[in-house]
Protein backbone atom coordinates (compact mmCIF):
# COMPACT_ATOMS: atom_id res chain seq x y z
CA MET A 1 236.66 127.02 293.74
CA THR A 2 235.24 128.56 296.71
CA GLN A 3 232.45 126.40 298.73
CA PRO A 4 228.50 127.06 297.48
CA LEU A 5 226.23 128.87 300.06
CA THR A 6 223.72 126.18 300.05
CA ARG A 7 223.79 122.80 301.76
CA THR A 8 222.27 120.73 299.10
CA ARG A 9 223.29 120.51 295.47
CA PRO A 10 220.31 122.36 292.95
CA THR A 11 219.93 119.00 291.36
CA ALA A 12 216.36 120.39 289.57
CA LEU A 13 218.38 123.38 288.43
CA ALA A 14 221.09 121.32 286.79
CA VAL A 15 218.58 119.12 285.02
CA TRP A 16 216.67 121.98 283.63
CA LEU A 17 219.29 124.02 282.90
CA ILE A 18 220.55 120.59 280.95
CA ILE A 19 216.87 120.65 278.93
CA ALA A 20 216.75 124.01 278.26
CA GLY A 21 220.58 124.02 276.78
CA VAL A 22 219.60 121.28 274.19
CA ILE A 23 216.46 122.38 273.61
CA GLY A 24 217.61 125.94 273.00
CA TRP A 25 220.68 124.66 270.89
CA TRP A 26 218.18 122.48 268.68
CA ALA A 27 216.45 125.64 267.86
CA ALA A 28 219.08 127.60 266.90
CA PHE A 29 221.08 124.77 264.68
CA SER A 30 217.52 124.45 263.33
CA LEU A 31 217.59 128.40 262.39
CA THR A 32 221.07 128.18 261.64
CA MET A 33 220.56 125.61 258.54
CA GLU A 34 217.31 127.80 257.45
CA ARG A 35 219.57 130.90 257.13
CA LEU A 36 221.98 128.34 255.41
CA HIS A 37 219.51 126.87 253.10
CA LEU A 38 218.65 130.84 252.16
CA LEU A 39 221.75 131.70 251.17
CA GLU A 40 221.90 128.95 249.11
CA ASP A 41 218.70 129.61 247.62
CA PRO A 42 217.09 132.91 248.23
CA ASP A 43 213.88 132.21 246.72
CA ALA A 44 213.44 129.04 248.46
CA ILE A 45 210.85 128.27 250.96
CA LEU A 46 211.99 127.34 254.42
CA GLY A 47 210.33 124.41 256.19
CA CYS A 48 209.23 126.89 259.03
CA ASP A 49 207.63 128.80 257.40
CA ILE A 50 203.93 127.81 257.36
CA SER A 51 202.17 131.05 257.01
CA PRO A 52 202.25 134.25 256.37
CA LEU A 53 201.99 134.93 260.02
CA VAL A 54 203.64 131.72 261.18
CA GLN A 55 207.12 131.72 259.73
CA CYS A 56 211.25 132.16 260.01
CA GLY A 57 212.02 133.42 256.65
CA LYS A 58 211.06 137.18 257.25
CA ASN A 59 212.72 137.54 260.64
CA LEU A 60 216.08 135.71 259.21
CA GLU A 61 216.35 137.85 256.49
CA SER A 62 215.50 141.14 258.14
CA TRP A 63 217.60 143.29 260.12
CA GLN A 64 216.71 142.59 263.46
CA GLY A 65 218.24 138.57 262.58
CA SER A 66 221.64 140.15 262.55
CA VAL A 67 221.66 142.32 265.32
CA PHE A 68 225.60 142.13 265.86
CA GLY A 69 226.34 141.75 262.04
CA PHE A 70 225.87 137.99 261.53
CA PRO A 71 222.80 136.01 262.34
CA ASN A 72 221.28 135.51 265.49
CA PRO A 73 221.31 131.94 265.39
CA ILE A 74 224.71 131.79 265.87
CA LEU A 75 225.00 133.39 269.24
CA GLY A 76 222.48 130.49 270.07
CA LEU A 77 224.64 127.88 268.86
CA THR A 78 227.05 129.32 271.20
CA GLY A 79 225.20 130.60 274.06
CA TRP A 80 223.33 127.27 274.77
CA MET A 81 226.10 125.20 275.52
CA ALA A 82 226.61 127.39 278.87
CA PRO A 83 223.48 126.10 280.42
CA ILE A 84 223.79 122.25 279.30
CA VAL A 85 228.23 122.83 281.04
CA VAL A 86 226.79 124.31 283.85
CA GLY A 87 224.04 122.16 284.54
CA PHE A 88 225.98 118.51 283.79
CA ALA A 89 228.89 120.08 286.20
CA ILE A 90 226.50 120.84 289.08
CA LEU A 91 225.57 117.22 288.79
CA ALA A 92 228.73 116.00 288.81
CA GLY A 93 229.60 117.61 292.18
CA ALA A 94 231.13 120.87 290.75
CA ARG A 95 230.63 124.34 293.33
CA PHE A 96 231.19 127.33 291.65
CA ALA A 97 232.67 130.34 292.59
CA ARG A 98 230.49 133.41 293.47
CA TRP A 99 231.88 135.31 290.80
CA PHE A 100 231.22 132.46 288.12
CA TRP A 101 227.37 132.29 289.30
CA LEU A 102 227.10 136.15 288.71
CA LEU A 103 228.39 135.93 285.42
CA PHE A 104 226.46 133.10 284.75
CA ALA A 105 223.45 135.03 285.93
CA LEU A 106 224.51 137.98 284.03
CA GLY A 107 224.53 135.84 280.75
CA VAL A 108 221.24 134.35 281.06
CA THR A 109 219.41 137.87 282.44
CA SER A 110 221.28 139.39 278.94
CA ALA A 111 219.84 136.45 276.68
CA PHE A 112 216.20 137.35 278.53
CA VAL A 113 216.42 140.72 277.65
CA PHE A 114 217.67 140.09 274.02
CA VAL A 115 214.66 137.62 273.40
CA ILE A 116 211.96 140.06 275.41
CA TRP A 117 213.42 142.60 272.74
CA LEU A 118 212.87 140.41 269.77
CA ILE A 119 209.73 139.39 271.04
CA GLY A 120 208.45 142.81 270.80
CA GLN A 121 210.23 143.45 267.00
CA SER A 122 208.65 140.20 266.05
CA ILE A 123 204.84 140.92 267.20
CA PHE A 124 205.00 144.93 266.65
CA VAL A 125 207.60 145.39 263.87
CA LEU A 126 207.82 142.71 261.77
CA GLY A 127 204.31 140.92 262.50
CA THR A 128 205.56 137.33 262.51
CA LEU A 129 205.81 134.44 264.83
CA CYS A 130 208.76 132.88 263.91
CA PRO A 131 208.52 128.70 264.67
CA TRP A 132 212.28 127.86 266.22
CA CYS A 133 212.49 132.09 267.64
CA MET A 134 209.17 130.67 270.08
CA VAL A 135 211.12 127.52 270.54
CA THR A 136 213.36 129.39 272.39
CA TRP A 137 211.58 131.79 273.73
CA VAL A 138 209.80 129.03 275.98
CA VAL A 139 213.15 127.93 277.32
CA THR A 140 215.19 131.21 277.89
CA ILE A 141 211.92 132.83 279.82
CA PRO A 142 211.84 129.98 283.08
CA THR A 143 216.01 129.84 282.41
CA PHE A 144 215.92 133.44 283.63
CA TYR A 145 213.66 132.57 286.73
CA ALA A 146 215.41 129.81 287.82
CA VAL A 147 219.05 131.45 287.70
CA THR A 148 218.04 134.31 288.89
CA LEU A 149 215.79 133.14 291.92
CA HIS A 150 218.61 130.76 292.62
CA VAL A 151 221.33 133.48 292.82
CA LEU A 152 219.06 135.40 295.15
CA ARG A 153 217.72 132.60 297.40
CA THR A 154 221.66 131.59 298.20
CA GLY A 155 222.83 134.63 298.42
CA ILE A 156 225.30 134.90 295.68
CA LEU A 157 223.63 138.18 294.67
CA PRO A 158 223.65 139.88 298.21
CA ALA A 159 219.98 140.74 299.19
CA PRO A 160 217.88 140.87 302.56
CA ARG A 161 217.07 137.90 304.05
CA GLY A 162 213.18 138.37 303.19
CA LEU A 163 213.92 138.84 299.70
CA ARG A 164 215.95 135.40 299.77
CA ASN A 165 213.10 133.93 301.64
CA GLY A 166 210.91 135.03 298.74
CA ALA A 167 213.01 133.81 296.18
CA ASP A 168 213.20 130.47 298.01
CA ARG A 169 209.70 130.14 297.73
CA LEU A 170 209.01 131.47 294.08
CA MET A 171 211.56 128.80 292.79
CA SER A 172 209.06 126.06 292.60
CA TRP A 173 206.66 128.54 291.11
CA VAL A 174 209.08 128.80 288.21
CA PRO A 175 206.75 126.92 285.65
CA LEU A 176 203.82 129.18 286.79
CA LEU A 177 205.71 132.13 286.13
CA ALA A 178 206.75 131.09 282.81
CA VAL A 179 203.34 129.71 282.01
CA VAL A 180 201.67 133.02 282.81
CA SER A 181 204.96 135.04 280.58
CA TYR A 182 203.56 132.67 277.76
CA ALA A 183 200.05 133.33 278.02
CA ILE A 184 200.91 137.70 278.37
CA ILE A 185 202.89 137.02 275.35
CA ALA A 186 199.99 135.23 273.37
CA ILE A 187 197.76 137.85 274.56
CA ILE A 188 199.87 140.94 273.25
CA ALA A 189 200.10 138.66 270.29
CA GLN A 190 196.61 137.97 269.65
CA VAL A 191 195.44 141.35 269.95
CA ARG A 192 197.96 142.78 267.92
CA LEU A 193 198.31 140.28 265.06
CA ASP A 194 194.69 138.67 265.16
CA VAL A 195 196.50 134.64 265.63
CA LEU A 196 193.62 132.78 265.90
CA GLY A 197 191.66 134.70 262.95
CA SER A 198 194.28 134.11 261.09
CA ILE A 199 193.83 130.63 261.63
CA PHE A 200 190.39 130.09 261.64
């Protein structure tokens, strides 16, 4: 593998990839188990069905829950292994080639776009908030920000020096960017679904 473009190992990124991967995988596993439970008993009340607004049954049984012809959680079971493996490999001292980082960033970006689409479908079409889906949202969004900024700041993704420097400075702001993103989603959900009104 080729030498990395950074002088130091991105340890913080590696640790986050492992944490996000484990959380995302667990959410996908939990959703998969709920889906299997529905297949066994179509009338079953799922553990994630808290209220008409907060539930995963409607999402799992919709066409949006099986976009590619199989339950979406299966994508998570396989996809979330990649950040875990990459994170541990970085901590072990692995140095990935540019093409590897670009493919990894493409995969993370695809996951982010898919999640944004699912958020829109949940709020504007299905009118529900799936608990395990929201866990996936919570880890996918900052993972996208972190990986995108990393490939920009290191020059893995060719960019002008000013953009690279900006990406480097923004890296420490990933948690805030994620919180702002969560707040925007929460506001949209509140306006569309009156989440607070359904709780109180």
